[in-house]
Amino acid sequence: FMYRHHPQHQRVKEIMQSGEIGEVVLFRASLHFLLEDVEGDIRMDPALGGGSLYDVGCYCIHSARHILGEEPVSVFAQGRMHERRQVDTLV
């Protein structure tokens, strides 16, 4: 999780924890990339724990916990499954 050491993320964490912007009631995170070769990609193999949540979902979850400095009260996610591969391609 190298992003957490970048100065911009440190500054956001400082601002949010200082109360400068008031009480944080919503933290929305998004991370995406284009996956062109689904046939040869291990992230598309359900036997290997494939899917977008297992691959990059941890970054969104970790950033919320790291920047807010506490555990979330509730979490919501919505996803879409690949029709043939049975792994999530969007969460």
PDB file of N, CA and C in Angstrom:
ATOM      1  N   PHE A   1       0.831  -1.195   0.000  1.00  0.00           N
ATOM      2  CA  PHE A   1       0.000   0.000   0.000  1.00  0.00           C
ATOM      3  C   PHE A   1       0.873   1.255   0.000  1.00  0.00           C
ATOM      4  N   MET A   2       1.638   1.398  -1.053  1.00  0.00           N
ATOM      5  CA  MET A   2       2.575   2.515  -1.135  1.00  0.00           C
ATOM      6  C   MET A   2       1.881   3.876  -1.199  1.00  0.00           C
ATOM      7  N   TYR A   3       0.637   3.923  -1.689  1.00  0.00           N
ATOM      8  CA  TYR A   3      -0.065   5.197  -1.833  1.00  0.00           C
ATOM      9  C   TYR A   3      -0.151   5.949  -0.506  1.00  0.00           C
ATOM     10  N   ARG A   4      -0.213   5.231   0.589  1.00  0.00           N
ATOM     11  CA  ARG A   4      -0.418   5.874   1.890  1.00  0.00           C
ATOM     12  C   ARG A   4       0.754   6.748   2.305  1.00  0.00           C
ATOM     13  N   HIS A   5       1.901   6.567   1.663  1.00  0.00           N
ATOM     14  CA  HIS A   5       3.084   7.362   1.993  1.00  0.00           C
ATOM     15  C   HIS A   5       3.252   8.580   1.083  1.00  0.00           C
ATOM     16  N   HIS A   6       2.350   8.747   0.134  1.00  0.00           N
ATOM     17  CA  HIS A   6       2.417   9.902  -0.761  1.00  0.00           C
ATOM     18  C   HIS A   6       1.940  11.137   0.004  1.00  0.00           C
ATOM     19  N   PRO A   7       2.625  12.269  -0.158  1.00  0.00           N
ATOM     20  CA  PRO A   7       2.257  13.488   0.576  1.00  0.00           C
ATOM     21  C   PRO A   7       0.794  13.909   0.409  1.00  0.00           C
ATOM     22  N   GLN A   8       0.192  13.700  -0.754  1.00  0.00           N
ATOM     23  CA  GLN A   8      -1.199  14.133  -0.931  1.00  0.00           C
ATOM     24  C   GLN A   8      -2.138  13.330  -0.038  1.00  0.00           C
ATOM     25  N   HIS A   9      -1.860  12.060   0.150  1.00  0.00           N
ATOM     26  CA  HIS A   9      -2.713  11.242   1.009  1.00  0.00           C
ATOM     27  C   HIS A   9      -2.482  11.567   2.482  1.00  0.00           C
ATOM     28  N   GLN A  10      -1.266  11.883   2.831  1.00  0.00           N
ATOM     29  CA  GLN A  10      -0.978  12.309   4.196  1.00  0.00           C
ATOM     30  C   GLN A  10      -1.717  13.604   4.508  1.00  0.00           C
ATOM     31  N   ARG A  11      -1.731  14.531   3.550  1.00  0.00           N
ATOM     32  CA  ARG A  11      -2.408  15.811   3.756  1.00  0.00           C
ATOM     33  C   ARG A  11      -3.924  15.632   3.880  1.00  0.00           C
ATOM     34  N   VAL A  12      -4.499  14.786   3.042  1.00  0.00           N
ATOM     35  CA  VAL A  12      -5.938  14.515   3.131  1.00  0.00           C
ATOM     36  C   VAL A  12      -6.264  13.922   4.497  1.00  0.00           C
ATOM     37  N   LYS A  13      -5.443  13.010   4.954  1.00  0.00           N
ATOM     38  CA  LYS A  13      -5.666  12.400   6.271  1.00  0.00           C
ATOM     39  C   LYS A  13      -5.618  13.458   7.378  1.00  0.00           C
ATOM     40  N   GLU A  14      -4.648  14.355   7.303  1.00  0.00           N
ATOM     41  CA  GLU A  14      -4.539  15.431   8.294  1.00  0.00           C
ATOM     42  C   GLU A  14      -5.779  16.322   8.296  1.00  0.00           C
ATOM     43  N   ILE A  15      -6.228  16.715   7.109  1.00  0.00           N
ATOM     44  CA  ILE A  15      -7.398  17.590   6.994  1.00  0.00           C
ATOM     45  C   ILE A  15      -8.638  16.914   7.568  1.00  0.00           C
ATOM     46  N   MET A  16      -8.849  15.673   7.206  1.00  0.00           N
ATOM     47  CA  MET A  16     -10.052  14.971   7.657  1.00  0.00           C
ATOM     48  C   MET A  16     -10.030  14.712   9.159  1.00  0.00           C
ATOM     49  N   GLN A  17      -8.876  14.368   9.693  1.00  0.00           N
ATOM     50  CA  GLN A  17      -8.802  14.065  11.119  1.00  0.00           C
ATOM     51  C   GLN A  17      -8.784  15.313  11.996  1.00  0.00           C
ATOM     52  N   SER A  18      -8.431  16.461  11.413  1.00  0.00           N
ATOM     53  CA  SER A  18      -8.387  17.701  12.189  1.00  0.00           C
ATOM     54  C   SER A  18      -9.776  18.282  12.436  1.00  0.00           C
ATOM     55  N   GLY A  19     -10.747  17.861  11.633  1.00  0.00           N
ATOM     56  CA  GLY A  19     -12.087  18.440  11.741  1.00  0.00           C
ATOM     57  C   GLY A  19     -12.246  19.688  10.909  1.00  0.00           C
ATOM     58  N   GLU A  20     -11.233  20.040  10.145  1.00  0.00           N
ATOM     59  CA  GLU A  20     -11.241  21.249   9.331  1.00  0.00           C
ATOM     60  C   GLU A  20     -12.430  21.307   8.376  1.00  0.00           C
ATOM     61  N   ILE A  21     -12.871  20.178   7.876  1.00  0.00           N
ATOM     62  CA  ILE A  21     -13.994  20.165   6.938  1.00  0.00           C
ATOM     63  C   ILE A  21     -15.282  19.672   7.598  1.00  0.00           C
ATOM     64  N   GLY A  22     -15.244  19.500   8.892  1.00  0.00           N
ATOM     65  CA  GLY A  22     -16.421  19.030   9.614  1.00  0.00           C
ATOM     66  C   GLY A  22     -16.446  17.523   9.744  1.00  0.00           C
ATOM     67  N   GLU A  23     -17.579  17.018  10.173  1.00  0.00           N
ATOM     68  CA  GLU A  23     -17.721  15.584  10.378  1.00  0.00           C
ATOM     69  C   GLU A  23     -17.828  14.861   9.036  1.00  0.00           C
ATOM     70  N   VAL A  24     -17.059  13.822   8.875  1.00  0.00           N
ATOM     71  CA  VAL A  24     -17.109  13.024   7.651  1.00  0.00           C
ATOM     72  C   VAL A  24     -18.246  12.016   7.785  1.00  0.00           C
ATOM     73  N   VAL A  25     -19.199  12.085   6.886  1.00  0.00           N
ATOM     74  CA  VAL A  25     -20.340  11.166   6.931  1.00  0.00           C
ATOM     75  C   VAL A  25     -20.354  10.206   5.749  1.00  0.00           C
ATOM     76  N   LEU A  26     -19.524  10.469   4.732  1.00  0.00           N
ATOM     77  CA  LEU A  26     -19.456   9.589   3.573  1.00  0.00           C
ATOM     78  C   LEU A  26     -18.040   9.588   3.029  1.00  0.00           C
ATOM     79  N   PHE A  27     -17.543   8.405   2.762  1.00  0.00           N
ATOM     80  CA  PHE A  27     -16.239   8.240   2.126  1.00  0.00           C
ATOM     81  C   PHE A  27     -16.475   7.341   0.924  1.00  0.00           C
ATOM     82  N   ARG A  28     -16.271   7.865  -0.264  1.00  0.00           N
ATOM     83  CA  ARG A  28     -16.508   7.095  -1.488  1.00  0.00           C
ATOM     84  C   ARG A  28     -15.154   6.846  -2.155  1.00  0.00           C
ATOM     85  N   ALA A  29     -14.907   5.600  -2.514  1.00  0.00           N
ATOM     86  CA  ALA A  29     -13.644   5.242  -3.154  1.00  0.00           C
ATOM     87  C   ALA A  29     -13.919   4.497  -4.449  1.00  0.00           C
ATOM     88  N   SER A  30     -13.050   4.707  -5.425  1.00  0.00           N
ATOM     89  CA  SER A  30     -13.189   4.046  -6.713  1.00  0.00           C
ATOM     90  C   SER A  30     -11.809   3.786  -7.289  1.00  0.00           C
ATOM     91  N   LEU A  31     -11.650   2.617  -7.878  1.00  0.00           N
ATOM     92  CA  LEU A  31     -10.399   2.252  -8.534  1.00  0.00           C
ATOM     93  C   LEU A  31     -10.765   1.375  -9.717  1.00  0.00           C
ATOM     94  N   HIS A  32     -10.232   1.692 -10.871  1.00  0.00           N
ATOM     95  CA  HIS A  32     -10.584   0.885 -12.037  1.00  0.00           C
ATOM     96  C   HIS A  32      -9.429   0.822 -13.020  1.00  0.00           C
ATOM     97  N   PHE A  33      -9.496  -0.191 -13.868  1.00  0.00           N
ATOM     98  CA  PHE A  33      -8.515  -0.355 -14.932  1.00  0.00           C
ATOM     99  C   PHE A  33      -9.158  -1.169 -16.045  1.00  0.00           C
ATOM    100  N   LEU A  34      -8.583  -1.090 -17.236  1.00  0.00           N
ATOM    101  CA  LEU A  34      -9.093  -1.817 -18.384  1.00  0.00           C
ATOM    102  C   LEU A  34      -8.429  -3.186 -18.446  1.00  0.00           C
ATOM    103  N   LEU A  35      -9.232  -4.211 -18.545  1.00  0.00           N
ATOM    104  CA  LEU A  35      -8.739  -5.581 -18.667  1.00  0.00           C
ATOM    105  C   LEU A  35      -9.147  -6.076 -20.054  1.00  0.00           C
ATOM    106  N   GLU A  36      -8.187  -6.077 -20.970  1.00  0.00           N
ATOM    107  CA  GLU A  36      -8.505  -6.404 -22.358  1.00  0.00           C
ATOM    108  C   GLU A  36      -8.441  -7.896 -22.660  1.00  0.00           C
ATOM    109  N   ASP A  37      -7.504  -8.628 -22.093  1.00  0.00           N
ATOM    110  CA  ASP A  37      -7.319 -10.045 -22.411  1.00  0.00           C
ATOM    111  C   ASP A  37      -7.887 -10.904 -21.290  1.00  0.00           C
ATOM    112  N   VAL A  38      -9.200 -11.118 -21.294  1.00  0.00           N
ATOM    113  CA  VAL A  38      -9.819 -11.895 -20.218  1.00  0.00           C
ATOM    114  C   VAL A  38      -9.463 -13.369 -20.294  1.00  0.00           C
ATOM    115  N   GLU A  39      -9.133 -13.856 -21.477  1.00  0.00           N
ATOM    116  CA  GLU A  39      -8.831 -15.279 -21.628  1.00  0.00           C
ATOM    117  C   GLU A  39      -7.533 -15.671 -20.922  1.00  0.00           C
ATOM    118  N   GLY A  40      -6.551 -14.820 -20.902  1.00  0.00           N
ATOM    119  CA  GLY A  40      -5.266 -15.191 -20.327  1.00  0.00           C
ATOM    120  C   GLY A  40      -4.958 -14.574 -18.981  1.00  0.00           C
ATOM    121  N   ASP A  41      -5.918 -13.964 -18.359  1.00  0.00           N
ATOM    122  CA  ASP A  41      -5.652 -13.237 -17.116  1.00  0.00           C
ATOM    123  C   ASP A  41      -6.086 -14.049 -15.894  1.00  0.00           C
ATOM    124  N   ILE A  42      -5.178 -14.208 -14.929  1.00  0.00           N
ATOM    125  CA  ILE A  42      -5.499 -15.002 -13.725  1.00  0.00           C
ATOM    126  C   ILE A  42      -6.594 -14.352 -12.890  1.00  0.00           C
ATOM    127  N   ARG A  43      -6.790 -13.041 -13.053  1.00  0.00           N
ATOM    128  CA  ARG A  43      -7.856 -12.357 -12.307  1.00  0.00           C
ATOM    129  C   ARG A  43      -9.241 -12.777 -12.774  1.00  0.00           C
ATOM    130  N   MET A  44      -9.311 -13.476 -13.886  1.00  0.00           N
ATOM    131  CA  MET A  44     -10.587 -13.954 -14.413  1.00  0.00           C
ATOM    132  C   MET A  44     -10.815 -15.431 -14.098  1.00  0.00           C
ATOM    133  N   ASP A  45      -9.973 -16.014 -13.275  1.00  0.00           N
ATOM    134  CA  ASP A  45     -10.077 -17.435 -12.933  1.00  0.00           C
ATOM    135  C   ASP A  45     -10.686 -17.587 -11.541  1.00  0.00           C
ATOM    136  N   PRO A  46     -11.929 -18.050 -11.446  1.00  0.00           N
ATOM    137  CA  PRO A  46     -12.562 -18.179 -10.128  1.00  0.00           C
ATOM    138  C   PRO A  46     -11.843 -19.173  -9.211  1.00  0.00           C
ATOM    139  N   ALA A  47     -11.160 -20.151  -9.776  1.00  0.00           N
ATOM    140  CA  ALA A  47     -10.421 -21.128  -8.962  1.00  0.00           C
ATOM    141  C   ALA A  47      -9.237 -20.484  -8.258  1.00  0.00           C
ATOM    142  N   LEU A  48      -8.766 -19.352  -8.774  1.00  0.00           N
ATOM    143  CA  LEU A  48      -7.635 -18.642  -8.168  1.00  0.00           C
ATOM    144  C   LEU A  48      -8.087 -17.435  -7.353  1.00  0.00           C
ATOM    145  N   GLY A  49      -9.380 -17.365  -7.064  1.00  0.00           N
ATOM    146  CA  GLY A  49      -9.900 -16.229  -6.305  1.00  0.00           C
ATOM    147  C   GLY A  49     -10.002 -14.983  -7.151  1.00  0.00           C
ATOM    148  N   GLY A  50     -10.316 -15.166  -8.431  1.00  0.00           N
ATOM    149  CA  GLY A  50     -10.381 -14.045  -9.360  1.00  0.00           C
ATOM    150  C   GLY A  50     -11.497 -13.069  -9.043  1.00  0.00           C
ATOM    151  N   GLY A  51     -11.456 -11.971  -9.752  1.00  0.00           N
ATOM    152  CA  GLY A  51     -12.476 -10.946  -9.595  1.00  0.00           C
ATOM    153  C   GLY A  51     -11.882  -9.623  -9.154  1.00  0.00           C
ATOM    154  N   SER A  52     -12.614  -8.572  -9.425  1.00  0.00           N
ATOM    155  CA  SER A  52     -12.114  -7.228  -9.118  1.00  0.00           C
ATOM    156  C   SER A  52     -12.048  -6.935  -7.622  1.00  0.00           C
ATOM    157  N   LEU A  53     -12.984  -7.451  -6.853  1.00  0.00           N
ATOM    158  CA  LEU A  53     -12.959  -7.189  -5.412  1.00  0.00           C
ATOM    159  C   LEU A  53     -11.702  -7.756  -4.770  1.00  0.00           C
ATOM    160  N   TYR A  54     -11.376  -8.996  -5.091  1.00  0.00           N
ATOM    161  CA  TYR A  54     -10.178  -9.620  -4.522  1.00  0.00           C
ATOM    162  C   TYR A  54      -8.894  -8.981  -5.063  1.00  0.00           C
ATOM    163  N   ASP A  55      -8.937  -8.482  -6.299  1.00  0.00           N
ATOM    164  CA  ASP A  55      -7.734  -7.924  -6.911  1.00  0.00           C
ATOM    165  C   ASP A  55      -7.428  -6.511  -6.423  1.00  0.00           C
ATOM    166  N   VAL A  56      -8.386  -5.604  -6.508  1.00  0.00           N
ATOM    167  CA  VAL A  56      -8.116  -4.210  -6.159  1.00  0.00           C
ATOM    168  C   VAL A  56      -9.057  -3.625  -5.109  1.00  0.00           C
ATOM    169  N   GLY A  57     -10.064  -4.383  -4.703  1.00  0.00           N
ATOM    170  CA  GLY A  57     -11.009  -3.880  -3.707  1.00  0.00           C
ATOM    171  C   GLY A  57     -10.354  -3.515  -2.388  1.00  0.00           C
ATOM    172  N   CYS A  58      -9.278  -4.201  -2.070  1.00  0.00           N
ATOM    173  CA  CYS A  58      -8.592  -3.938  -0.807  1.00  0.00           C
ATOM    174  C   CYS A  58      -8.045  -2.515  -0.731  1.00  0.00           C
ATOM    175  N   TYR A  59      -7.716  -1.912  -1.870  1.00  0.00           N
ATOM    176  CA  TYR A  59      -7.187  -0.550  -1.857  1.00  0.00           C
ATOM    177  C   TYR A  59      -8.255   0.451  -1.415  1.00  0.00           C
ATOM    178  N   CYS A  60      -9.469   0.282  -1.895  1.00  0.00           N
ATOM    179  CA  CYS A  60     -10.561   1.183  -1.499  1.00  0.00           C
ATOM    180  C   CYS A  60     -10.877   1.027  -0.012  1.00  0.00           C
ATOM    181  N   ILE A  61     -10.942  -0.211   0.437  1.00  0.00           N
ATOM    182  CA  ILE A  61     -11.223  -0.475   1.848  1.00  0.00           C
ATOM    183  C   ILE A  61     -10.098   0.056   2.732  1.00  0.00           C
ATOM    184  N   HIS A  62      -8.862  -0.221   2.354  1.00  0.00           N
ATOM    185  CA  HIS A  62      -7.719   0.221   3.146  1.00  0.00           C
ATOM    186  C   HIS A  62      -7.619   1.740   3.193  1.00  0.00           C
ATOM    187  N   SER A  63      -7.861   2.404   2.066  1.00  0.00           N
ATOM    188  CA  SER A  63      -7.744   3.866   2.066  1.00  0.00           C
ATOM    189  C   SER A  63      -8.771   4.509   2.986  1.00  0.00           C
ATOM    190  N   ALA A  64      -9.992   3.991   3.002  1.00  0.00           N
ATOM    191  CA  ALA A  64     -11.003   4.543   3.911  1.00  0.00           C
ATOM    192  C   ALA A  64     -10.576   4.369   5.361  1.00  0.00           C
ATOM    193  N   ARG A  65     -10.134   3.189   5.708  1.00  0.00           N
ATOM    194  CA  ARG A  65      -9.715   2.926   7.089  1.00  0.00           C
ATOM    195  C   ARG A  65      -8.495   3.761   7.466  1.00  0.00           C
ATOM    196  N   HIS A  66      -7.550   3.883   6.551  1.00  0.00           N
ATOM    197  CA  HIS A  66      -6.312   4.627   6.817  1.00  0.00           C
ATOM    198  C   HIS A  66      -6.567   6.124   6.954  1.00  0.00           C
ATOM    199  N   ILE A  67      -7.278   6.701   6.000  1.00  0.00           N
ATOM    200  CA  ILE A  67      -7.491   8.149   6.006  1.00  0.00           C
ATOM    201  C   ILE A  67      -8.413   8.579   7.137  1.00  0.00           C
ATOM    202  N   LEU A  68      -9.472   7.811   7.387  1.00  0.00           N
ATOM    203  CA  LEU A  68     -10.401   8.179   8.458  1.00  0.00           C
ATOM    204  C   LEU A  68      -9.854   7.837   9.839  1.00  0.00           C
ATOM    205  N   GLY A  69      -8.956   6.864   9.896  1.00  0.00           N
ATOM    206  CA  GLY A  69      -8.368   6.486  11.176  1.00  0.00           C
ATOM    207  C   GLY A  69      -9.315   5.705  12.067  1.00  0.00           C
ATOM    208  N   GLU A  70     -10.347   5.142  11.483  1.00  0.00           N
ATOM    209  CA  GLU A  70     -11.311   4.350  12.260  1.00  0.00           C
ATOM    210  C   GLU A  70     -12.014   3.364  11.345  1.00  0.00           C
ATOM    211  N   GLU A  71     -12.755   2.469  11.952  1.00  0.00           N
ATOM    212  CA  GLU A  71     -13.506   1.483  11.188  1.00  0.00           C
ATOM    213  C   GLU A  71     -14.808   2.107  10.687  1.00  0.00           C
ATOM    214  N   PRO A  72     -15.235   1.742   9.484  1.00  0.00           N
ATOM    215  CA  PRO A  72     -16.508   2.274   8.983  1.00  0.00           C
ATOM    216  C   PRO A  72     -17.696   1.742   9.785  1.00  0.00           C
ATOM    217  N   VAL A  73     -18.736   2.536   9.866  1.00  0.00           N
ATOM    218  CA  VAL A  73     -19.967   2.128  10.543  1.00  0.00           C
ATOM    219  C   VAL A  73     -20.754   1.182   9.650  1.00  0.00           C
ATOM    220  N   SER A  74     -20.785   1.478   8.354  1.00  0.00           N
ATOM    221  CA  SER A  74     -21.454   0.597   7.399  1.00  0.00           C
ATOM    222  C   SER A  74     -20.725   0.700   6.063  1.00  0.00           C
ATOM    223  N   VAL A  75     -20.910  -0.333   5.252  1.00  0.00           N
ATOM    224  CA  VAL A  75     -20.267  -0.401   3.938  1.00  0.00           C
ATOM    225  C   VAL A  75     -21.303  -0.860   2.930  1.00  0.00           C
ATOM    226  N   PHE A  76     -21.257  -0.280   1.746  1.00  0.00           N
ATOM    227  CA  PHE A  76     -22.148  -0.687   0.665  1.00  0.00           C
ATOM    228  C   PHE A  76     -21.318  -0.947  -0.578  1.00  0.00           C
ATOM    229  N   ALA A  77     -21.605  -2.021  -1.255  1.00  0.00           N
ATOM    230  CA  ALA A  77     -20.954  -2.332  -2.529  1.00  0.00           C
ATOM    231  C   ALA A  77     -21.986  -2.908  -3.478  1.00  0.00           C
ATOM    232  N   GLN A  78     -21.756  -2.689  -4.742  1.00  0.00           N
ATOM    233  CA  GLN A  78     -22.621  -3.219  -5.786  1.00  0.00           C
ATOM    234  C   GLN A  78     -21.704  -3.790  -6.856  1.00  0.00           C
ATOM    235  N   GLY A  79     -22.080  -4.913  -7.464  1.00  0.00           N
ATOM    236  CA  GLY A  79     -21.175  -5.529  -8.417  1.00  0.00           C
ATOM    237  C   GLY A  79     -21.849  -6.092  -9.643  1.00  0.00           C
ATOM    238  N   ARG A  80     -21.007  -6.546 -10.546  1.00  0.00           N
ATOM    239  CA  ARG A  80     -21.469  -7.195 -11.776  1.00  0.00           C
ATOM    240  C   ARG A  80     -20.572  -8.393 -12.047  1.00  0.00           C
ATOM    241  N   MET A  81     -21.201  -9.515 -12.373  1.00  0.00           N
ATOM    242  CA  MET A  81     -20.460 -10.738 -12.661  1.00  0.00           C
ATOM    243  C   MET A  81     -20.236 -10.885 -14.165  1.00  0.00           C
ATOM    244  N   HIS A  82     -19.074 -11.439 -14.519  1.00  0.00           N
ATOM    245  CA  HIS A  82     -18.800 -11.776 -15.916  1.00  0.00           C
ATOM    246  C   HIS A  82     -19.708 -12.938 -16.284  1.00  0.00           C
ATOM    247  N   GLU A  83     -20.357 -12.865 -17.414  1.00  0.00           N
ATOM    248  CA  GLU A  83     -21.370 -13.868 -17.765  1.00  0.00           C
ATOM    249  C   GLU A  83     -20.827 -15.283 -17.931  1.00  0.00           C
ATOM    250  N   ARG A  84     -19.587 -15.436 -18.376  1.00  0.00           N
ATOM    251  CA  ARG A  84     -19.032 -16.790 -18.565  1.00  0.00           C
ATOM    252  C   ARG A  84     -18.065 -17.195 -17.456  1.00  0.00           C
ATOM    253  N   ARG A  85     -17.312 -16.269 -16.936  1.00  0.00           N
ATOM    254  CA  ARG A  85     -16.236 -16.586 -15.994  1.00  0.00           C
ATOM    255  C   ARG A  85     -16.666 -16.722 -14.544  1.00  0.00           C
ATOM    256  N   GLN A  86     -17.800 -16.193 -14.197  1.00  0.00           N
ATOM    257  CA  GLN A  86     -18.308 -16.240 -12.812  1.00  0.00           C
ATOM    258  C   GLN A  86     -17.342 -15.600 -11.808  1.00  0.00           C
ATOM    259  N   VAL A  87     -16.777 -14.488 -12.205  1.00  0.00           N
ATOM    260  CA  VAL A  87     -16.024 -13.627 -11.291  1.00  0.00           C
ATOM    261  C   VAL A  87     -16.565 -12.214 -11.468  1.00  0.00           C
ATOM    262  N   ASP A  88     -16.445 -11.409 -10.426  1.00  0.00           N
ATOM    263  CA  ASP A  88     -16.934 -10.038 -10.525  1.00  0.00           C
ATOM    264  C   ASP A  88     -15.974  -9.199 -11.353  1.00  0.00           C
ATOM    265  N   THR A  89     -16.529  -8.447 -12.291  1.00  0.00           N
ATOM    266  CA  THR A  89     -15.726  -7.559 -13.120  1.00  0.00           C
ATOM    267  C   THR A  89     -15.951  -6.095 -12.752  1.00  0.00           C
ATOM    268  N   LEU A  90     -16.859  -5.876 -11.843  1.00  0.00           N
ATOM    269  CA  LEU A  90     -17.149  -4.533 -11.354  1.00  0.00           C
ATOM    270  C   LEU A  90     -17.713  -4.647  -9.957  1.00  0.00           C
ATOM    271  N   VAL A  91     -17.123  -3.934  -9.027  1.00  0.00           N
ATOM    272  CA  VAL A  91     -17.647  -3.884  -7.660  1.00  0.00           C
ATOM    273  C   VAL A  91     -17.505  -2.469  -7.153  1.00  0.00           C
TER     274      VAL A  91
END
